[in-house]
Amino acid sequence: MDKIILEVTEGVYDTAKAARTAGRIPMAYYGKGSENHGFSVNYQDFRRAYEKGGRSTIMYFVNEKKKEFPVLVQDIQYDPVSDHIIHVDVMAVDMKKPITTTVPLVLTGEAPAVRELGGVLVQNKNKVQVECLPNDLIHKIEVDITLLVDFHSSITVGNIQVPDTIKILDAPDINVAIISAPRAVEEEKPVEVEVEETEVEESDEEKKEE
């Protein structure tokens, strides 16, 4: 993936509301050994960068002094009505020290138990926590589901293949994907209703007529 660079501005807007009114997103920058800062970034620039890289990609901020520094997105706040991004927290990254973050899992291939047995694929886990050096961080981890050959098969965290430079921190016995057997659909049978025939007694007047 190409290097993601974002131009940010520090200390121009008096309030977060003023930044948002100007079409920018207020951001909080923090990290161990780094001085906390408040930045803002163009809304559309950040939206595109986040869609491309997400939380598992190092982004590089460039401030007014053209100083470049790497960050990881930690938290995003959304407006409950419009669903627009209203605030972002980013963590400072030391490129020489290991980081801990999450990486999404992407299922690839076709499960034989789905194709041949009509099973239903169930993904129980869609991301894992990893530890690695920033330069070794990958955008996603692909999981081959061709191992799911029957209803007893499963893929666990321990089955996930990653480069030697990355350590997965989640327990290896956690299920990532399984195959659920299809539910048997019973045909609805028509309900037969027995109708009892009842004898109608003749009235006295009808008897007299006879």
N, C-alpha and C. Protein backbone atom coordinates (compact mmCIF):
# COMPACT_ATOMS: atom_id res chain seq x y z
N MET A 1 0.84 -1.20 0.00
CA MET A 1 0.00 0.00 0.00
C MET A 1 0.88 1.25 0.00
N ASP A 2 0.44 2.25 -0.76
CA ASP A 2 1.19 3.50 -0.82
C ASP A 2 1.18 4.21 0.53
N LYS A 3 2.20 4.98 0.77
CA LYS A 3 2.30 5.76 2.00
C LYS A 3 1.16 6.78 2.07
N ILE A 4 0.47 6.83 3.19
CA ILE A 4 -0.65 7.75 3.37
C ILE A 4 -0.17 9.00 4.11
N ILE A 5 -0.25 10.14 3.44
CA ILE A 5 0.22 11.40 4.02
C ILE A 5 -0.96 12.37 4.12
N LEU A 6 -1.11 12.98 5.28
CA LEU A 6 -2.19 13.94 5.50
C LEU A 6 -1.62 15.26 6.01
N GLU A 7 -2.03 16.35 5.40
CA GLU A 7 -1.64 17.66 5.89
C GLU A 7 -2.56 18.07 7.03
N VAL A 8 -1.97 18.44 8.16
CA VAL A 8 -2.76 18.83 9.33
C VAL A 8 -2.38 20.25 9.76
N THR A 9 -3.31 20.85 10.50
CA THR A 9 -3.10 22.21 10.99
C THR A 9 -3.21 22.22 12.50
N GLU A 10 -2.32 22.95 13.14
CA GLU A 10 -2.32 23.00 14.61
C GLU A 10 -2.68 24.39 15.10
N GLY A 11 -3.66 24.44 16.02
CA GLY A 11 -3.94 25.66 16.76
C GLY A 11 -4.51 26.82 15.97
N VAL A 12 -5.20 26.58 14.85
CA VAL A 12 -5.78 27.67 14.08
C VAL A 12 -7.19 28.00 14.56
N TYR A 13 -7.95 26.99 14.94
CA TYR A 13 -9.35 27.17 15.31
C TYR A 13 -9.49 27.19 16.84
N ASP A 14 -10.29 28.12 17.33
CA ASP A 14 -10.46 28.29 18.77
C ASP A 14 -11.20 27.12 19.40
N THR A 15 -12.16 26.58 18.68
CA THR A 15 -12.96 25.48 19.21
C THR A 15 -13.10 24.37 18.17
N ALA A 16 -13.50 23.18 18.66
CA ALA A 16 -13.74 22.06 17.76
C ALA A 16 -14.89 22.37 16.81
N LYS A 17 -15.89 23.09 17.32
CA LYS A 17 -17.04 23.47 16.50
C LYS A 17 -16.60 24.34 15.34
N ALA A 18 -15.68 25.27 15.60
CA ALA A 18 -15.20 26.16 14.55
C ALA A 18 -14.46 25.37 13.47
N ALA A 19 -13.70 24.37 13.89
CA ALA A 19 -12.98 23.54 12.92
C ALA A 19 -13.97 22.77 12.04
N ARG A 20 -15.00 22.21 12.69
CA ARG A 20 -15.99 21.43 11.92
C ARG A 20 -16.77 22.34 10.96
N THR A 21 -17.06 23.56 11.39
CA THR A 21 -17.76 24.51 10.53
C THR A 21 -16.93 24.81 9.28
N ALA A 22 -15.62 24.77 9.43
CA ALA A 22 -14.72 25.04 8.30
C ALA A 22 -14.46 23.80 7.45
N GLY A 23 -15.19 22.72 7.72
CA GLY A 23 -15.03 21.51 6.93
C GLY A 23 -13.83 20.68 7.33
N ARG A 24 -13.44 20.79 8.62
CA ARG A 24 -12.28 20.05 9.10
C ARG A 24 -12.67 19.18 10.31
N ILE A 25 -11.84 18.23 10.62
CA ILE A 25 -12.07 17.34 11.75
C ILE A 25 -11.06 17.65 12.84
N PRO A 26 -11.52 17.99 14.06
CA PRO A 26 -10.57 18.17 15.16
C PRO A 26 -9.97 16.83 15.58
N MET A 27 -8.69 16.85 15.92
CA MET A 27 -7.99 15.61 16.27
C MET A 27 -7.15 15.81 17.52
N ALA A 28 -7.08 14.76 18.33
CA ALA A 28 -6.21 14.76 19.51
C ALA A 28 -5.06 13.81 19.24
N TYR A 29 -3.85 14.32 19.41
CA TYR A 29 -2.63 13.55 19.17
C TYR A 29 -1.93 13.32 20.50
N TYR A 30 -1.63 12.05 20.81
CA TYR A 30 -0.99 11.75 22.08
C TYR A 30 -0.15 10.48 21.94
N GLY A 31 0.65 10.20 22.94
CA GLY A 31 1.45 8.98 22.93
C GLY A 31 2.56 9.05 23.96
N LYS A 32 3.04 7.89 24.36
CA LYS A 32 4.11 7.82 25.36
C LYS A 32 5.36 8.49 24.82
N GLY A 33 5.87 9.45 25.59
CA GLY A 33 7.07 10.15 25.17
C GLY A 33 6.82 11.26 24.18
N SER A 34 5.54 11.52 23.87
CA SER A 34 5.21 12.59 22.92
C SER A 34 4.32 13.63 23.59
N GLU A 35 4.49 14.86 23.21
CA GLU A 35 3.66 15.93 23.76
C GLU A 35 2.29 15.91 23.09
N ASN A 36 1.25 16.04 23.92
CA ASN A 36 -0.11 16.05 23.37
C ASN A 36 -0.33 17.30 22.53
N HIS A 37 -1.05 17.12 21.42
CA HIS A 37 -1.34 18.23 20.53
C HIS A 37 -2.78 18.13 20.04
N GLY A 38 -3.30 19.28 19.63
CA GLY A 38 -4.59 19.31 18.98
C GLY A 38 -4.40 19.73 17.53
N PHE A 39 -4.92 18.92 16.62
CA PHE A 39 -4.80 19.22 15.19
C PHE A 39 -6.18 19.25 14.55
N SER A 40 -6.22 19.68 13.33
CA SER A 40 -7.41 19.51 12.50
C SER A 40 -6.96 19.09 11.12
N VAL A 41 -7.85 18.36 10.43
CA VAL A 41 -7.52 17.85 9.10
C VAL A 41 -8.74 18.03 8.21
N ASN A 42 -8.51 18.23 6.93
CA ASN A 42 -9.61 18.35 5.99
C ASN A 42 -10.49 17.10 6.05
N TYR A 43 -11.80 17.31 6.15
CA TYR A 43 -12.73 16.18 6.34
C TYR A 43 -12.60 15.14 5.24
N GLN A 44 -12.68 15.56 4.00
CA GLN A 44 -12.68 14.61 2.88
C GLN A 44 -11.33 13.92 2.72
N ASP A 45 -10.24 14.65 3.01
CA ASP A 45 -8.92 14.04 2.94
C ASP A 45 -8.80 12.89 3.95
N PHE A 46 -9.27 13.13 5.17
CA PHE A 46 -9.19 12.08 6.18
C PHE A 46 -10.12 10.92 5.85
N ARG A 47 -11.32 11.23 5.38
CA ARG A 47 -12.28 10.17 5.06
C ARG A 47 -11.70 9.21 4.02
N ARG A 48 -11.11 9.77 2.98
CA ARG A 48 -10.52 8.92 1.93
C ARG A 48 -9.34 8.11 2.46
N ALA A 49 -8.52 8.75 3.29
CA ALA A 49 -7.36 8.05 3.84
C ALA A 49 -7.78 6.92 4.76
N TYR A 50 -8.83 7.16 5.55
CA TYR A 50 -9.28 6.14 6.48
C TYR A 50 -9.95 4.97 5.75
N GLU A 51 -10.69 5.27 4.70
CA GLU A 51 -11.30 4.20 3.90
C GLU A 51 -10.23 3.33 3.27
N LYS A 52 -9.12 3.92 2.95
CA LYS A 52 -8.02 3.19 2.32
C LYS A 52 -7.21 2.39 3.32
N GLY A 53 -6.91 2.99 4.47
CA GLY A 53 -6.01 2.34 5.42
C GLY A 53 -6.63 1.82 6.70
N GLY A 54 -7.72 2.45 7.17
CA GLY A 54 -8.33 2.02 8.42
C GLY A 54 -7.42 2.22 9.61
N ARG A 55 -7.66 1.42 10.66
CA ARG A 55 -6.87 1.56 11.88
C ARG A 55 -5.59 0.74 11.87
N SER A 56 -5.42 -0.06 10.84
CA SER A 56 -4.26 -0.95 10.81
C SER A 56 -3.18 -0.47 9.85
N THR A 57 -3.18 0.82 9.56
CA THR A 57 -2.20 1.39 8.64
C THR A 57 -1.59 2.65 9.25
N ILE A 58 -0.28 2.75 9.18
CA ILE A 58 0.41 3.95 9.65
C ILE A 58 0.09 5.10 8.70
N MET A 59 -0.37 6.22 9.29
CA MET A 59 -0.55 7.44 8.52
C MET A 59 0.53 8.44 8.92
N TYR A 60 0.88 9.29 7.99
CA TYR A 60 1.92 10.29 8.26
C TYR A 60 1.29 11.68 8.20
N PHE A 61 1.35 12.38 9.34
CA PHE A 61 0.87 13.76 9.41
C PHE A 61 2.01 14.69 9.02
N VAL A 62 1.65 15.74 8.30
CA VAL A 62 2.61 16.79 7.96
C VAL A 62 2.01 18.11 8.43
N ASN A 63 2.71 18.80 9.36
CA ASN A 63 2.16 20.04 9.89
C ASN A 63 2.63 21.25 9.09
N GLU A 64 2.30 22.43 9.60
CA GLU A 64 2.62 23.67 8.87
C GLU A 64 4.12 23.86 8.66
N LYS A 65 4.92 23.29 9.56
CA LYS A 65 6.38 23.42 9.45
C LYS A 65 6.98 22.31 8.59
N LYS A 66 6.11 21.54 7.92
CA LYS A 66 6.52 20.44 7.04
C LYS A 66 7.21 19.31 7.82
N LYS A 67 6.93 19.26 9.10
CA LYS A 67 7.45 18.16 9.90
C LYS A 67 6.51 16.96 9.75
N GLU A 68 7.10 15.80 9.47
CA GLU A 68 6.31 14.58 9.25
C GLU A 68 6.42 13.67 10.47
N PHE A 69 5.28 13.17 10.91
CA PHE A 69 5.31 12.24 12.04
C PHE A 69 4.24 11.17 11.87
N PRO A 70 4.58 9.90 12.16
CA PRO A 70 3.67 8.78 11.95
C PRO A 70 2.66 8.63 13.09
N VAL A 71 1.44 8.20 12.74
CA VAL A 71 0.39 8.02 13.75
C VAL A 71 -0.45 6.79 13.39
N LEU A 72 -1.19 6.31 14.39
CA LEU A 72 -2.20 5.27 14.20
C LEU A 72 -3.53 5.80 14.72
N VAL A 73 -4.59 5.60 13.98
CA VAL A 73 -5.92 6.01 14.44
C VAL A 73 -6.34 5.12 15.61
N GLN A 74 -6.77 5.74 16.70
CA GLN A 74 -7.18 5.01 17.89
C GLN A 74 -8.69 5.02 18.11
N ASP A 75 -9.31 6.16 17.86
CA ASP A 75 -10.75 6.26 18.11
C ASP A 75 -11.36 7.31 17.19
N ILE A 76 -12.57 7.02 16.74
CA ILE A 76 -13.31 7.97 15.89
C ILE A 76 -14.69 8.17 16.49
N GLN A 77 -15.09 9.41 16.64
CA GLN A 77 -16.43 9.74 17.15
C GLN A 77 -17.31 10.21 15.99
N TYR A 78 -18.54 9.72 15.98
CA TYR A 78 -19.47 10.06 14.93
C TYR A 78 -20.67 10.82 15.49
N ASP A 79 -21.23 11.71 14.69
CA ASP A 79 -22.46 12.38 15.07
C ASP A 79 -23.60 11.36 15.05
N PRO A 80 -24.38 11.25 16.13
CA PRO A 80 -25.43 10.22 16.21
C PRO A 80 -26.56 10.42 15.20
N VAL A 81 -26.71 11.63 14.68
CA VAL A 81 -27.79 11.90 13.72
C VAL A 81 -27.29 11.81 12.28
N SER A 82 -26.24 12.55 11.97
CA SER A 82 -25.75 12.60 10.59
C SER A 82 -24.75 11.49 10.28
N ASP A 83 -24.17 10.87 11.31
CA ASP A 83 -23.14 9.83 11.17
C ASP A 83 -21.85 10.38 10.57
N HIS A 84 -21.69 11.70 10.60
CA HIS A 84 -20.44 12.32 10.15
C HIS A 84 -19.38 12.20 11.24
N ILE A 85 -18.14 12.14 10.82
CA ILE A 85 -17.03 12.11 11.78
C ILE A 85 -16.93 13.47 12.45
N ILE A 86 -16.87 13.50 13.79
CA ILE A 86 -16.78 14.78 14.49
C ILE A 86 -15.49 14.91 15.30
N HIS A 87 -14.78 13.80 15.54
CA HIS A 87 -13.53 13.89 16.29
C HIS A 87 -12.73 12.61 16.09
N VAL A 88 -11.41 12.74 16.08
CA VAL A 88 -10.52 11.59 15.91
C VAL A 88 -9.38 11.66 16.90
N ASP A 89 -9.08 10.53 17.54
CA ASP A 89 -7.90 10.39 18.39
C ASP A 89 -6.85 9.59 17.65
N VAL A 90 -5.61 10.09 17.63
CA VAL A 90 -4.52 9.36 16.99
C VAL A 90 -3.37 9.21 17.97
N MET A 91 -2.64 8.11 17.83
CA MET A 91 -1.53 7.81 18.73
C MET A 91 -0.20 7.99 18.01
N ALA A 92 0.72 8.65 18.68
CA ALA A 92 2.05 8.82 18.11
C ALA A 92 2.75 7.47 18.01
N VAL A 93 3.51 7.28 16.95
CA VAL A 93 4.19 6.01 16.71
C VAL A 93 5.69 6.23 16.61
N ASP A 94 6.43 5.43 17.38
CA ASP A 94 7.89 5.41 17.27
C ASP A 94 8.24 4.28 16.32
N MET A 95 8.77 4.60 15.17
CA MET A 95 9.01 3.61 14.13
C MET A 95 10.05 2.57 14.53
N LYS A 96 10.77 2.80 15.60
CA LYS A 96 11.80 1.86 16.03
C LYS A 96 11.33 0.93 17.15
N LYS A 97 10.08 1.15 17.62
CA LYS A 97 9.57 0.34 18.73
C LYS A 97 8.32 -0.43 18.30
N PRO A 98 8.12 -1.64 18.84
CA PRO A 98 6.94 -2.43 18.49
C PRO A 98 5.65 -1.72 18.91
N ILE A 99 4.61 -1.94 18.14
CA ILE A 99 3.29 -1.39 18.45
C ILE A 99 2.30 -2.53 18.59
N THR A 100 1.20 -2.26 19.28
CA THR A 100 0.12 -3.23 19.41
C THR A 100 -1.14 -2.60 18.84
N THR A 101 -1.76 -3.30 17.90
CA THR A 101 -2.97 -2.79 17.28
C THR A 101 -3.78 -3.95 16.74
N THR A 102 -4.92 -3.67 16.10
CA THR A 102 -5.75 -4.73 15.54
C THR A 102 -5.68 -4.69 14.01
N VAL A 103 -5.80 -5.87 13.42
CA VAL A 103 -5.78 -6.00 11.97
C VAL A 103 -7.00 -6.81 11.55
N PRO A 104 -7.75 -6.35 10.54
CA PRO A 104 -8.95 -7.08 10.11
C PRO A 104 -8.61 -8.41 9.42
N LEU A 105 -9.52 -9.38 9.60
CA LEU A 105 -9.40 -10.68 8.95
C LEU A 105 -10.32 -10.71 7.73
N VAL A 106 -9.79 -11.13 6.61
CA VAL A 106 -10.57 -11.21 5.37
C VAL A 106 -10.60 -12.66 4.91
N LEU A 107 -11.78 -13.25 4.83
CA LEU A 107 -11.92 -14.64 4.41
C LEU A 107 -11.77 -14.74 2.91
N THR A 108 -10.98 -15.71 2.46
CA THR A 108 -10.75 -15.91 1.03
C THR A 108 -11.02 -17.37 0.66
N GLY A 109 -11.31 -17.59 -0.62
CA GLY A 109 -11.57 -18.94 -1.09
C GLY A 109 -13.02 -19.33 -0.91
N GLU A 110 -13.30 -20.62 -1.17
CA GLU A 110 -14.65 -21.16 -1.05
C GLU A 110 -14.60 -22.40 -0.19
N ALA A 111 -15.46 -22.46 0.81
CA ALA A 111 -15.50 -23.61 1.72
C ALA A 111 -16.21 -24.78 1.06
N PRO A 112 -15.58 -25.96 0.96
CA PRO A 112 -16.25 -27.14 0.39
C PRO A 112 -17.54 -27.49 1.11
N ALA A 113 -17.59 -27.25 2.43
CA ALA A 113 -18.80 -27.59 3.18
C ALA A 113 -19.98 -26.71 2.80
N VAL A 114 -19.68 -25.55 2.26
CA VAL A 114 -20.76 -24.67 1.77
C VAL A 114 -21.17 -25.09 0.36
N ARG A 115 -20.19 -25.32 -0.48
CA ARG A 115 -20.46 -25.66 -1.89
C ARG A 115 -21.09 -27.05 -2.04
N GLU A 116 -20.58 -28.02 -1.30
CA GLU A 116 -21.01 -29.40 -1.51
C GLU A 116 -22.08 -29.88 -0.52
N LEU A 117 -22.09 -29.30 0.69
CA LEU A 117 -23.02 -29.78 1.71
C LEU A 117 -24.14 -28.79 2.03
N GLY A 118 -24.07 -27.62 1.43
CA GLY A 118 -25.11 -26.62 1.68
C GLY A 118 -25.02 -25.96 3.04
N GLY A 119 -23.84 -26.01 3.65
CA GLY A 119 -23.65 -25.40 4.97
C GLY A 119 -23.64 -23.88 4.90
N VAL A 120 -23.69 -23.27 6.07
CA VAL A 120 -23.69 -21.81 6.18
C VAL A 120 -22.39 -21.37 6.85
N LEU A 121 -21.66 -20.49 6.19
CA LEU A 121 -20.40 -19.99 6.74
C LEU A 121 -20.67 -18.98 7.85
N VAL A 122 -20.05 -19.18 9.00
CA VAL A 122 -20.21 -18.27 10.14
C VAL A 122 -18.84 -17.75 10.54
N GLN A 123 -18.64 -16.43 10.44
CA GLN A 123 -17.39 -15.81 10.87
C GLN A 123 -17.55 -15.29 12.28
N ASN A 124 -16.86 -15.91 13.23
CA ASN A 124 -16.99 -15.54 14.63
C ASN A 124 -16.04 -14.42 15.04
N LYS A 125 -15.02 -14.18 14.26
CA LYS A 125 -14.02 -13.16 14.62
C LYS A 125 -13.57 -12.47 13.35
N ASN A 126 -13.61 -11.14 13.35
CA ASN A 126 -13.25 -10.40 12.13
C ASN A 126 -11.98 -9.57 12.26
N LYS A 127 -11.29 -9.68 13.39
CA LYS A 127 -10.02 -8.99 13.55
C LYS A 127 -9.21 -9.65 14.66
N VAL A 128 -7.91 -9.45 14.64
CA VAL A 128 -7.02 -9.98 15.69
C VAL A 128 -6.09 -8.87 16.15
N GLN A 129 -5.63 -9.03 17.37
CA GLN A 129 -4.66 -8.08 17.92
C GLN A 129 -3.26 -8.58 17.61
N VAL A 130 -2.42 -7.68 17.14
CA VAL A 130 -1.06 -8.08 16.75
C VAL A 130 -0.03 -7.15 17.38
N GLU A 131 1.19 -7.65 17.39
CA GLU A 131 2.33 -6.85 17.85
C GLU A 131 3.42 -6.96 16.80
N CYS A 132 3.97 -5.81 16.41
CA CYS A 132 5.03 -5.81 15.40
C CYS A 132 5.67 -4.43 15.35
N LEU A 133 6.74 -4.32 14.60
CA LEU A 133 7.31 -3.01 14.33
C LEU A 133 6.41 -2.28 13.32
N PRO A 134 6.33 -0.97 13.41
CA PRO A 134 5.43 -0.21 12.52
C PRO A 134 5.62 -0.52 11.04
N ASN A 135 6.86 -0.66 10.60
CA ASN A 135 7.10 -0.93 9.18
C ASN A 135 6.64 -2.31 8.75
N ASP A 136 6.42 -3.21 9.71
CA ASP A 136 5.98 -4.58 9.39
C ASP A 136 4.47 -4.74 9.47
N LEU A 137 3.77 -3.68 9.87
CA LEU A 137 2.31 -3.77 10.01
C LEU A 137 1.66 -3.96 8.65
N ILE A 138 0.71 -4.89 8.58
CA ILE A 138 0.00 -5.15 7.34
C ILE A 138 -1.44 -4.65 7.44
N HIS A 139 -2.03 -4.33 6.29
CA HIS A 139 -3.35 -3.72 6.24
C HIS A 139 -4.46 -4.71 6.57
N LYS A 140 -4.26 -5.98 6.19
CA LYS A 140 -5.26 -7.02 6.45
C LYS A 140 -4.59 -8.38 6.50
N ILE A 141 -5.30 -9.36 7.05
CA ILE A 141 -4.81 -10.73 7.09
C ILE A 141 -5.82 -11.62 6.38
N GLU A 142 -5.38 -12.31 5.35
CA GLU A 142 -6.27 -13.19 4.61
C GLU A 142 -6.32 -14.57 5.26
N VAL A 143 -7.54 -15.10 5.35
CA VAL A 143 -7.75 -16.42 5.97
C VAL A 143 -8.38 -17.34 4.94
N ASP A 144 -7.70 -18.42 4.62
CA ASP A 144 -8.16 -19.37 3.61
C ASP A 144 -9.23 -20.29 4.19
N ILE A 145 -10.44 -20.24 3.65
CA ILE A 145 -11.53 -21.05 4.22
C ILE A 145 -11.74 -22.36 3.47
N THR A 146 -10.84 -22.72 2.58
CA THR A 146 -10.95 -24.01 1.90
C THR A 146 -10.69 -25.16 2.87
N LEU A 147 -10.24 -24.85 4.07
CA LEU A 147 -10.03 -25.88 5.09
C LEU A 147 -11.35 -26.37 5.68
N LEU A 148 -12.41 -25.64 5.45
CA LEU A 148 -13.71 -25.99 6.02
C LEU A 148 -14.40 -27.00 5.10
N VAL A 149 -14.12 -28.30 5.34
CA VAL A 149 -14.59 -29.35 4.44
C VAL A 149 -15.89 -30.01 4.91
N ASP A 150 -16.21 -29.88 6.20
CA ASP A 150 -17.45 -30.47 6.70
C ASP A 150 -17.94 -29.69 7.91
N PHE A 151 -19.02 -30.19 8.53
CA PHE A 151 -19.63 -29.46 9.64
C PHE A 151 -18.82 -29.55 10.93
N HIS A 152 -17.80 -30.38 10.94
CA HIS A 152 -16.93 -30.50 12.12
C HIS A 152 -15.66 -29.66 11.98
N SER A 153 -15.48 -29.06 10.81
CA SER A 153 -14.28 -28.27 10.57
C SER A 153 -14.41 -26.88 11.17
N SER A 154 -13.29 -26.31 11.53
CA SER A 154 -13.26 -24.93 12.03
C SER A 154 -11.88 -24.34 11.77
N ILE A 155 -11.83 -23.04 11.70
CA ILE A 155 -10.56 -22.33 11.59
C ILE A 155 -10.38 -21.50 12.85
N THR A 156 -9.28 -21.69 13.53
CA THR A 156 -9.00 -20.97 14.76
C THR A 156 -7.91 -19.93 14.53
N VAL A 157 -7.69 -19.12 15.53
CA VAL A 157 -6.62 -18.12 15.44
C VAL A 157 -5.28 -18.80 15.18
N GLY A 158 -5.10 -19.99 15.76
CA GLY A 158 -3.85 -20.72 15.57
C GLY A 158 -3.61 -21.16 14.14
N ASN A 159 -4.66 -21.21 13.31
CA ASN A 159 -4.52 -21.59 11.90
C ASN A 159 -4.12 -20.43 11.01
N ILE A 160 -4.19 -19.21 11.53
CA ILE A 160 -3.92 -18.02 10.71
C ILE A 160 -2.42 -17.92 10.40
N GLN A 161 -2.12 -17.69 9.13
CA GLN A 161 -0.75 -17.55 8.70
C GLN A 161 -0.38 -16.08 8.55
N VAL A 162 0.67 -15.66 9.25
CA VAL A 162 1.18 -14.29 9.14
C VAL A 162 2.69 -14.34 9.01
N PRO A 163 3.29 -13.26 8.52
CA PRO A 163 4.75 -13.22 8.44
C PRO A 163 5.40 -13.37 9.82
N ASP A 164 6.64 -13.85 9.82
CA ASP A 164 7.36 -14.06 11.08
C ASP A 164 7.57 -12.77 11.86
N THR A 165 7.47 -11.64 11.18
CA THR A 165 7.70 -10.35 11.83
C THR A 165 6.48 -9.88 12.63
N ILE A 166 5.36 -10.64 12.53
CA ILE A 166 4.12 -10.25 13.21
C ILE A 166 3.74 -11.32 14.21
N LYS A 167 3.38 -10.91 15.41
CA LYS A 167 2.94 -11.83 16.46
C LYS A 167 1.46 -11.57 16.76
N ILE A 168 0.65 -12.63 16.65
CA ILE A 168 -0.77 -12.52 16.99
C ILE A 168 -0.93 -12.74 18.49
N LEU A 169 -1.63 -11.83 19.16
CA LEU A 169 -1.74 -11.87 20.61
C LEU A 169 -2.99 -12.60 21.10
N ASP A 170 -3.97 -12.82 20.23
CA ASP A 170 -5.19 -13.52 20.63
C ASP A 170 -4.89 -15.00 20.89
N ALA A 171 -5.68 -15.63 21.77
CA ALA A 171 -5.51 -17.05 22.10
C ALA A 171 -5.68 -17.90 20.84
N PRO A 172 -4.81 -18.89 20.63
CA PRO A 172 -4.86 -19.68 19.39
C PRO A 172 -6.09 -20.57 19.23
N ASP A 173 -6.81 -20.86 20.34
CA ASP A 173 -7.96 -21.76 20.24
C ASP A 173 -9.28 -21.03 19.97
N ILE A 174 -9.24 -19.73 19.78
CA ILE A 174 -10.47 -18.97 19.49
C ILE A 174 -10.91 -19.25 18.05
N ASN A 175 -12.20 -19.57 17.88
CA ASN A 175 -12.73 -19.84 16.55
C ASN A 175 -12.82 -18.57 15.72
N VAL A 176 -12.36 -18.66 14.50
CA VAL A 176 -12.48 -17.56 13.54
C VAL A 176 -13.66 -17.80 12.60
N ALA A 177 -13.77 -19.03 12.09
CA ALA A 177 -14.85 -19.36 11.16
C ALA A 177 -15.25 -20.82 11.31
N ILE A 178 -16.53 -21.09 11.21
CA ILE A 178 -17.07 -22.45 11.27
C ILE A 178 -18.16 -22.60 10.20
N ILE A 179 -18.61 -23.82 10.03
CA ILE A 179 -19.71 -24.09 9.12
C ILE A 179 -20.91 -24.58 9.93
N SER A 180 -22.02 -23.91 9.73
CA SER A 180 -23.26 -24.31 10.42
C SER A 180 -24.10 -25.15 9.47
N ALA A 181 -24.63 -26.26 9.97
CA ALA A 181 -25.46 -27.14 9.15
C ALA A 181 -26.75 -26.42 8.79
N PRO A 182 -27.28 -26.64 7.59
CA PRO A 182 -28.53 -25.97 7.19
C PRO A 182 -29.70 -26.51 8.00
N ARG A 183 -30.64 -25.66 8.28
CA ARG A 183 -31.83 -26.08 9.01
C ARG A 183 -32.79 -26.81 8.08
N ALA A 184 -33.30 -27.94 8.58
CA ALA A 184 -34.26 -28.70 7.78
C ALA A 184 -35.59 -27.98 7.80
N VAL A 185 -36.12 -27.74 6.62
CA VAL A 185 -37.39 -27.04 6.51
C VAL A 185 -38.49 -28.07 6.28
N GLU A 186 -39.38 -28.21 7.21
CA GLU A 186 -40.46 -29.17 7.09
C GLU A 186 -41.59 -28.57 6.25
N GLU A 187 -42.07 -29.41 5.36
CA GLU A 187 -43.19 -28.96 4.54
C GLU A 187 -44.45 -28.93 5.39
N GLU A 188 -45.17 -27.87 5.22
CA GLU A 188 -46.41 -27.76 5.97
C GLU A 188 -47.45 -28.67 5.35
N LYS A 189 -48.01 -29.51 6.17
CA LYS A 189 -49.05 -30.43 5.71
C LYS A 189 -50.41 -29.81 5.99
N PRO A 190 -51.35 -29.99 5.06
CA PRO A 190 -52.70 -29.45 5.30
C PRO A 190 -53.34 -30.16 6.48
N VAL A 191 -53.98 -29.41 7.30
CA VAL A 191 -54.63 -29.96 8.48
C VAL A 191 -56.04 -30.40 8.11
N GLU A 192 -56.30 -31.69 8.33
CA GLU A 192 -57.62 -32.21 8.03
C GLU A 192 -58.54 -32.00 9.23
N VAL A 193 -59.65 -31.36 8.99
CA VAL A 193 -60.61 -31.09 10.05
C VAL A 193 -61.81 -32.00 9.86
N GLU A 194 -62.05 -32.84 10.85
CA GLU A 194 -63.18 -33.74 10.77
C GLU A 194 -64.46 -32.99 11.14
N VAL A 195 -65.42 -33.08 10.26
CA VAL A 195 -66.70 -32.40 10.50
C VAL A 195 -67.73 -33.47 10.87
N GLU A 196 -68.24 -33.39 12.04
CA GLU A 196 -69.24 -34.35 12.49
C GLU A 196 -70.60 -33.96 11.95
N GLU A 197 -71.26 -34.97 11.36
CA GLU A 197 -72.61 -34.72 10.86
C GLU A 197 -73.60 -34.81 12.01
N THR A 198 -74.45 -33.83 12.10
CA THR A 198 -75.44 -33.81 13.18
C THR A 198 -76.83 -33.97 12.62
N GLU A 199 -77.59 -34.81 13.28
CA GLU A 199 -78.96 -35.02 12.84
C GLU A 199 -79.85 -33.88 13.34
N VAL A 200 -80.72 -33.40 12.45
CA VAL A 200 -81.62 -32.32 12.82
C VAL A 200 -83.00 -32.92 13.07
N GLU A 201 -83.49 -32.74 14.28
CA GLU A 201 -84.80 -33.29 14.61
C GLU A 201 -85.89 -32.49 13.94
N GLU A 202 -86.93 -33.23 13.45
CA GLU A 202 -88.06 -32.55 12.82
C GLU A 202 -88.92 -31.88 13.89
N SER A 203 -89.42 -30.73 13.53
CA SER A 203 -90.29 -30.03 14.46
C SER A 203 -91.67 -30.70 14.48
N ASP A 204 -92.46 -30.40 15.49
CA ASP A 204 -93.80 -30.99 15.62
C ASP A 204 -94.67 -30.61 14.43
N GLU A 205 -94.53 -29.37 13.93
CA GLU A 205 -95.34 -28.92 12.81
C GLU A 205 -95.02 -29.70 11.54
N GLU A 206 -93.70 -30.02 11.34
CA GLU A 206 -93.29 -30.78 10.18
C GLU A 206 -93.83 -32.19 10.24
N LYS A 207 -93.89 -32.75 11.47
CA LYS A 207 -94.42 -34.10 11.65
C LYS A 207 -95.92 -34.13 11.31
N LYS A 208 -96.67 -33.09 11.71
CA LYS A 208 -98.09 -33.04 11.46
C LYS A 208 -98.35 -32.95 9.96
N GLU A 209 -97.55 -32.20 9.25
CA GLU A 209 -97.72 -32.07 7.82
C GLU A 209 -97.55 -33.41 7.13
N GLU A 210 -96.61 -34.24 7.68
CA GLU A 210 -96.42 -35.56 7.11
C GLU A 210 -97.66 -36.41 7.33
